[in-house]
Amino acid sequence: MRIPPFLMTLFVLTGSILPANAQNGINDIDLPVVQQLHKIKLSLLGLTYQWEKPVSRKSVITLEGGVAGGMSFSAGSISGTAFRYAIVPEIGIGFRNYYNLDKRFKKGKKIDNNAANFIATDVFINGNPILSSGNITAREAVGLTAAWGMQRSLSSKVNFEWQAGVIGGTDFEDWVIAPNLRIAFSLIAGKKRTN
């Protein structure tokens, strides 16, 4: 009897995965899951509320709203130097995958409050500036960020988070693509372990 190639491939893959878990004494039931979190985030130029809602064992959908800020500095031989900033109302929805959650768990590292590295993408909408420098012409805008970052639990109620990536956006007149860096501390307002 001849075994179909796809069944042989499935058998080989399954055989190579199962022994690794058995050797560590860990099966899928024992692996961690992300938590549902309600966070109040404070960053250099922003204050937002963020909800992380699990959609799989290691992934969450994020909903965020509050005020966010941005700043830029430019220097040129014709225009001179300019520092600009704006603080705007912002809402957004995103996706995060905490890709090294299992690795941290197996090494005995802290994973409370979704303490792991992540890749993320967010779609956001900004309103007109609440506060801005006189030389900025910010308007309503929509944008997208793609980032890599990490979140660490400093205590049962406080997280530290940073992420770096690229942001692209438009106010429907101009398009901007720029590097993006975010550093924030979060107060955990509520959490729930998802099973």
C-alpha atoms as a PDB file:
ATOM      1  CA  MET A   1       0.000   0.000   0.000  1.00  0.00           C
ATOM      2  CA  ARG A   2       1.334   3.408  -0.982  1.00  0.00           C
ATOM      3  CA  ILE A   3       1.003   6.320   1.491  1.00  0.00           C
ATOM      4  CA  PRO A   4      -0.037   9.624  -0.158  1.00  0.00           C
ATOM      5  CA  PRO A   5       2.738  12.279   0.026  1.00  0.00           C
ATOM      6  CA  PHE A   6       0.606  14.795   1.972  1.00  0.00           C
ATOM      7  CA  LEU A   7      -0.092  12.177   4.707  1.00  0.00           C
ATOM      8  CA  MET A   8       3.605  11.308   4.914  1.00  0.00           C
ATOM      9  CA  THR A   9       4.475  15.031   5.241  1.00  0.00           C
ATOM     10  CA  LEU A  10       1.832  15.451   7.956  1.00  0.00           C
ATOM     11  CA  PHE A  11       3.175  12.408   9.820  1.00  0.00           C
ATOM     12  CA  VAL A  12       6.784  13.685   9.663  1.00  0.00           C
ATOM     13  CA  LEU A  13       5.816  17.196  10.798  1.00  0.00           C
ATOM     14  CA  THR A  14       3.640  15.898  13.634  1.00  0.00           C
ATOM     15  CA  GLY A  15       6.358  13.500  14.734  1.00  0.00           C
ATOM     16  CA  SER A  16       8.950  16.271  14.826  1.00  0.00           C
ATOM     17  CA  ILE A  17       6.724  18.652  16.830  1.00  0.00           C
ATOM     18  CA  LEU A  18       5.233  16.300  19.446  1.00  0.00           C
ATOM     19  CA  PRO A  19       8.469  14.902  20.881  1.00  0.00           C
ATOM     20  CA  ALA A  20       9.809  18.433  21.506  1.00  0.00           C
ATOM     21  CA  ASN A  21       6.824  19.287  23.685  1.00  0.00           C
ATOM     22  CA  ALA A  22       6.919  15.903  25.431  1.00  0.00           C
ATOM     23  CA  GLN A  23      10.603  16.331  26.297  1.00  0.00           C
ATOM     24  CA  ASN A  24       9.888  19.611  28.086  1.00  0.00           C
ATOM     25  CA  GLY A  25       6.959  18.087  29.975  1.00  0.00           C
ATOM     26  CA  ILE A  26       4.676  20.739  28.449  1.00  0.00           C
ATOM     27  CA  ASN A  27       1.621  20.068  26.331  1.00  0.00           C
ATOM     28  CA  ASP A  28      -0.690  22.534  24.595  1.00  0.00           C
ATOM     29  CA  ILE A  29      -3.017  22.667  27.616  1.00  0.00           C
ATOM     30  CA  ASP A  30      -0.155  23.981  29.765  1.00  0.00           C
ATOM     31  CA  LEU A  31       0.925  26.725  27.338  1.00  0.00           C
ATOM     32  CA  PRO A  32       0.096  30.320  28.319  1.00  0.00           C
ATOM     33  CA  VAL A  33      -2.600  32.511  26.864  1.00  0.00           C
ATOM     34  CA  VAL A  34      -2.661  36.292  26.631  1.00  0.00           C
ATOM     35  CA  GLN A  35      -4.789  38.232  29.088  1.00  0.00           C
ATOM     36  CA  GLN A  36      -7.544  40.709  28.429  1.00  0.00           C
ATOM     37  CA  LEU A  37      -6.193  44.038  29.711  1.00  0.00           C
ATOM     38  CA  HIS A  38      -7.642  47.492  30.312  1.00  0.00           C
ATOM     39  CA  LYS A  39      -4.767  50.006  30.454  1.00  0.00           C
ATOM     40  CA  ILE A  40      -4.313  53.722  30.964  1.00  0.00           C
ATOM     41  CA  LYS A  41      -1.140  54.589  29.010  1.00  0.00           C
ATOM     42  CA  LEU A  42       1.069  57.596  29.636  1.00  0.00           C
ATOM     43  CA  SER A  43       3.704  58.436  27.035  1.00  0.00           C
ATOM     44  CA  LEU A  44       5.905  61.455  26.402  1.00  0.00           C
ATOM     45  CA  LEU A  45       3.164  63.273  24.481  1.00  0.00           C
ATOM     46  CA  GLY A  46       0.017  61.305  25.143  1.00  0.00           C
ATOM     47  CA  LEU A  47      -2.540  59.843  27.488  1.00  0.00           C
ATOM     48  CA  THR A  48      -4.776  57.061  26.200  1.00  0.00           C
ATOM     49  CA  TYR A  49      -7.013  54.219  27.291  1.00  0.00           C
ATOM     50  CA  GLN A  50      -6.206  50.870  25.623  1.00  0.00           C
ATOM     51  CA  TRP A  51      -8.113  47.595  25.673  1.00  0.00           C
ATOM     52  CA  GLU A  52      -6.345  44.379  24.662  1.00  0.00           C
ATOM     53  CA  LYS A  53      -8.942  41.746  23.706  1.00  0.00           C
ATOM     54  CA  PRO A  54      -7.601  38.218  23.033  1.00  0.00           C
ATOM     55  CA  VAL A  55      -8.525  36.724  19.659  1.00  0.00           C
ATOM     56  CA  SER A  56      -6.196  33.696  19.882  1.00  0.00           C
ATOM     57  CA  ARG A  57      -3.797  32.186  22.391  1.00  0.00           C
ATOM     58  CA  LYS A  58      -1.019  34.709  21.604  1.00  0.00           C
ATOM     59  CA  SER A  59      -2.809  37.538  19.767  1.00  0.00           C
ATOM     60  CA  VAL A  60      -4.992  40.468  20.741  1.00  0.00           C
ATOM     61  CA  ILE A  61      -7.044  43.158  19.058  1.00  0.00           C
ATOM     62  CA  THR A  62      -6.358  46.581  20.580  1.00  0.00           C
ATOM     63  CA  LEU A  63      -8.811  49.455  20.842  1.00  0.00           C
ATOM     64  CA  GLU A  64      -7.348  52.787  21.924  1.00  0.00           C
ATOM     65  CA  GLY A  65      -8.568  56.334  22.441  1.00  0.00           C
ATOM     66  CA  GLY A  66      -7.319  59.529  24.041  1.00  0.00           C
ATOM     67  CA  VAL A  67      -4.861  62.268  23.172  1.00  0.00           C
ATOM     68  CA  ALA A  68      -1.627  61.583  21.334  1.00  0.00           C
ATOM     69  CA  GLY A  69       1.250  63.782  20.334  1.00  0.00           C
ATOM     70  CA  GLY A  70       4.000  63.994  17.835  1.00  0.00           C
ATOM     71  CA  MET A  71       7.026  66.146  17.281  1.00  0.00           C
ATOM     72  CA  SER A  72       9.586  66.786  14.588  1.00  0.00           C
ATOM     73  CA  PHE A  73      12.781  68.715  14.100  1.00  0.00           C
ATOM     74  CA  SER A  74      14.147  69.806  10.753  1.00  0.00           C
ATOM     75  CA  ALA A  75      17.174  71.757   9.627  1.00  0.00           C
ATOM     76  CA  GLY A  76      17.939  73.114   6.193  1.00  0.00           C
ATOM     77  CA  SER A  77      20.221  75.666   4.596  1.00  0.00           C
ATOM     78  CA  ILE A  78      17.289  77.626   3.152  1.00  0.00           C
ATOM     79  CA  SER A  79      14.556  77.239   5.776  1.00  0.00           C
ATOM     80  CA  GLY A  80      16.765  77.178   8.881  1.00  0.00           C
ATOM     81  CA  THR A  81      15.796  75.033  11.833  1.00  0.00           C
ATOM     82  CA  ALA A  82      12.282  74.236  12.993  1.00  0.00           C
ATOM     83  CA  PHE A  83      10.852  72.302  15.926  1.00  0.00           C
ATOM     84  CA  ARG A  84       7.194  71.312  15.605  1.00  0.00           C
ATOM     85  CA  TYR A  85       4.755  69.497  17.859  1.00  0.00           C
ATOM     86  CA  ALA A  86       1.041  68.771  17.999  1.00  0.00           C
ATOM     87  CA  ILE A  87      -1.286  67.078  20.484  1.00  0.00           C
ATOM     88  CA  VAL A  88      -4.429  65.649  18.909  1.00  0.00           C
ATOM     89  CA  PRO A  89      -7.410  63.494  19.871  1.00  0.00           C
ATOM     90  CA  GLU A  90      -6.896  59.987  18.514  1.00  0.00           C
ATOM     91  CA  ILE A  91      -8.769  56.697  18.227  1.00  0.00           C
ATOM     92  CA  GLY A  92      -7.376  53.500  16.803  1.00  0.00           C
ATOM     93  CA  ILE A  93      -7.758  49.785  16.319  1.00  0.00           C
ATOM     94  CA  GLY A  94      -4.894  47.365  15.993  1.00  0.00           C
ATOM     95  CA  PHE A  95      -3.569  43.822  16.121  1.00  0.00           C
ATOM     96  CA  ARG A  96      -0.711  42.451  18.238  1.00  0.00           C
ATOM     97  CA  ASN A  97       0.909  39.042  18.191  1.00  0.00           C
ATOM     98  CA  TYR A  98       2.996  38.242  21.293  1.00  0.00           C
ATOM     99  CA  TYR A  99       5.252  35.889  19.374  1.00  0.00           C
ATOM    100  CA  ASN A 100       7.702  34.925  22.165  1.00  0.00           C
ATOM    101  CA  LEU A 101       5.130  34.270  24.902  1.00  0.00           C
ATOM    102  CA  ASP A 102       5.811  30.507  24.878  1.00  0.00           C
ATOM    103  CA  LYS A 103       9.588  30.973  24.927  1.00  0.00           C
ATOM    104  CA  ARG A 104       9.401  33.277  27.969  1.00  0.00           C
ATOM    105  CA  PHE A 105       7.000  30.869  29.721  1.00  0.00           C
ATOM    106  CA  LYS A 106       9.248  27.837  29.125  1.00  0.00           C
ATOM    107  CA  LYS A 107      12.260  29.745  30.487  1.00  0.00           C
ATOM    108  CA  GLY A 108      10.304  30.641  33.636  1.00  0.00           C
ATOM    109  CA  LYS A 109      10.231  34.366  32.843  1.00  0.00           C
ATOM    110  CA  LYS A 110       7.373  36.623  33.932  1.00  0.00           C
ATOM    111  CA  ILE A 111       4.486  36.763  31.414  1.00  0.00           C
ATOM    112  CA  ASP A 112       1.842  38.509  33.556  1.00  0.00           C
ATOM    113  CA  ASN A 113       0.112  41.461  31.871  1.00  0.00           C
ATOM    114  CA  ASN A 114       1.129  40.093  28.445  1.00  0.00           C
ATOM    115  CA  ALA A 115       4.839  40.621  29.154  1.00  0.00           C
ATOM    116  CA  ALA A 116       6.392  39.535  25.860  1.00  0.00           C
ATOM    117  CA  ASN A 117       7.766  40.827  22.566  1.00  0.00           C
ATOM    118  CA  PHE A 118       5.232  41.612  19.866  1.00  0.00           C
ATOM    119  CA  ILE A 119       4.683  42.624  16.289  1.00  0.00           C
ATOM    120  CA  ALA A 120       1.818  45.036  15.759  1.00  0.00           C
ATOM    121  CA  THR A 121      -0.133  47.054  13.273  1.00  0.00           C
ATOM    122  CA  ASP A 122      -2.583  49.868  14.042  1.00  0.00           C
ATOM    123  CA  VAL A 123      -5.028  51.981  12.053  1.00  0.00           C
ATOM    124  CA  PHE A 124      -5.751  55.359  13.630  1.00  0.00           C
ATOM    125  CA  ILE A 125      -7.773  58.544  13.103  1.00  0.00           C
ATOM    126  CA  ASN A 126      -6.583  61.905  14.464  1.00  0.00           C
ATOM    127  CA  GLY A 127      -8.733  65.003  14.997  1.00  0.00           C
ATOM    128  CA  ASN A 128      -7.718  68.658  14.774  1.00  0.00           C
ATOM    129  CA  PRO A 129      -4.901  69.647  17.170  1.00  0.00           C
ATOM    130  CA  ILE A 130      -5.795  70.562  20.733  1.00  0.00           C
ATOM    131  CA  LEU A 131      -2.356  72.127  21.168  1.00  0.00           C
ATOM    132  CA  SER A 132       0.376  72.750  18.586  1.00  0.00           C
ATOM    133  CA  SER A 133       3.374  74.887  17.726  1.00  0.00           C
ATOM    134  CA  GLY A 134       2.631  77.988  15.684  1.00  0.00           C
ATOM    135  CA  ASN A 135       4.446  76.657  12.616  1.00  0.00           C
ATOM    136  CA  ILE A 136       2.403  73.480  12.155  1.00  0.00           C
ATOM    137  CA  THR A 137      -0.628  72.972   9.951  1.00  0.00           C
ATOM    138  CA  ALA A 138      -1.958  69.685  11.322  1.00  0.00           C
ATOM    139  CA  ARG A 139      -5.474  68.615  10.362  1.00  0.00           C
ATOM    140  CA  GLU A 140      -7.619  65.516  10.721  1.00  0.00           C
ATOM    141  CA  ALA A 141      -5.678  62.503   9.463  1.00  0.00           C
ATOM    142  CA  VAL A 142      -5.797  58.749   9.102  1.00  0.00           C
ATOM    143  CA  GLY A 143      -2.818  56.466   9.204  1.00  0.00           C
ATOM    144  CA  LEU A 144      -1.274  53.065   9.662  1.00  0.00           C
ATOM    145  CA  THR A 145       1.643  51.928  11.810  1.00  0.00           C
ATOM    146  CA  ALA A 146       3.669  48.737  11.615  1.00  0.00           C
ATOM    147  CA  ALA A 147       5.936  48.045  14.570  1.00  0.00           C
ATOM    148  CA  TRP A 148       8.003  45.648  16.627  1.00  0.00           C
ATOM    149  CA  GLY A 149       8.060  46.120  20.375  1.00  0.00           C
ATOM    150  CA  MET A 150       8.067  44.692  23.847  1.00  0.00           C
ATOM    151  CA  GLN A 151       5.871  44.974  26.896  1.00  0.00           C
ATOM    152  CA  ARG A 152       7.160  44.168  30.380  1.00  0.00           C
ATOM    153  CA  SER A 153       5.335  43.962  33.678  1.00  0.00           C
ATOM    154  CA  LEU A 154       6.994  46.157  36.332  1.00  0.00           C
ATOM    155  CA  SER A 155       4.401  45.148  38.950  1.00  0.00           C
ATOM    156  CA  SER A 156       0.922  43.642  39.038  1.00  0.00           C
ATOM    157  CA  LYS A 157      -0.496  47.079  38.118  1.00  0.00           C
ATOM    158  CA  VAL A 158       2.211  48.740  35.969  1.00  0.00           C
ATOM    159  CA  ASN A 159       3.620  47.859  32.524  1.00  0.00           C
ATOM    160  CA  PHE A 160       6.481  49.388  30.565  1.00  0.00           C
ATOM    161  CA  GLU A 161       6.209  49.290  26.780  1.00  0.00           C
ATOM    162  CA  TRP A 162       8.172  50.486  23.811  1.00  0.00           C
ATOM    163  CA  GLN A 163       7.769  49.956  20.112  1.00  0.00           C
ATOM    164  CA  ALA A 164       9.602  51.064  16.990  1.00  0.00           C
ATOM    165  CA  GLY A 165       8.486  50.952  13.400  1.00  0.00           C
ATOM    166  CA  VAL A 166       7.081  52.961  10.534  1.00  0.00           C
ATOM    167  CA  ILE A 167       4.069  55.243  10.403  1.00  0.00           C
ATOM    168  CA  GLY A 168       2.265  56.362   7.272  1.00  0.00           C
ATOM    169  CA  GLY A 169      -0.636  58.756   7.125  1.00  0.00           C
ATOM    170  CA  THR A 170      -2.556  61.326   5.181  1.00  0.00           C
ATOM    171  CA  ASP A 171      -4.782  64.340   5.788  1.00  0.00           C
ATOM    172  CA  PHE A 172      -6.101  63.725   2.238  1.00  0.00           C
ATOM    173  CA  GLU A 173      -3.882  66.496   0.869  1.00  0.00           C
ATOM    174  CA  ASP A 174      -0.399  65.359   1.897  1.00  0.00           C
ATOM    175  CA  TRP A 175       1.066  61.901   2.562  1.00  0.00           C
ATOM    176  CA  VAL A 176       3.736  61.242   5.181  1.00  0.00           C
ATOM    177  CA  ILE A 177       5.889  58.184   5.885  1.00  0.00           C
ATOM    178  CA  ALA A 178       8.207  58.447   8.887  1.00  0.00           C
ATOM    179  CA  PRO A 179       9.956  56.395  11.558  1.00  0.00           C
ATOM    180  CA  ASN A 180       7.893  55.888  14.694  1.00  0.00           C
ATOM    181  CA  LEU A 181       9.052  55.359  18.287  1.00  0.00           C
ATOM    182  CA  ARG A 182       6.711  55.026  21.254  1.00  0.00           C
ATOM    183  CA  ILE A 183       7.664  54.643  24.909  1.00  0.00           C
ATOM    184  CA  ALA A 184       4.931  54.375  27.541  1.00  0.00           C
ATOM    185  CA  PHE A 185       4.026  53.311  31.045  1.00  0.00           C
ATOM    186  CA  SER A 186       0.606  51.735  31.579  1.00  0.00           C
ATOM    187  CA  LEU A 187      -1.537  51.479  34.673  1.00  0.00           C
ATOM    188  CA  ILE A 188      -3.469  48.207  34.525  1.00  0.00           C
ATOM    189  CA  ALA A 189      -7.071  49.187  35.245  1.00  0.00           C
ATOM    190  CA  GLY A 190      -8.384  45.635  34.917  1.00  0.00           C
ATOM    191  CA  LYS A 191      -7.339  42.245  33.577  1.00  0.00           C
ATOM    192  CA  LYS A 192      -8.804  38.855  32.955  1.00  0.00           C
ATOM    193  CA  ARG A 193      -7.024  35.580  32.189  1.00  0.00           C
ATOM    194  CA  THR A 194      -8.470  33.964  29.073  1.00  0.00           C
ATOM    195  CA  ASN A 195      -8.629  30.156  28.954  1.00  0.00           C
END
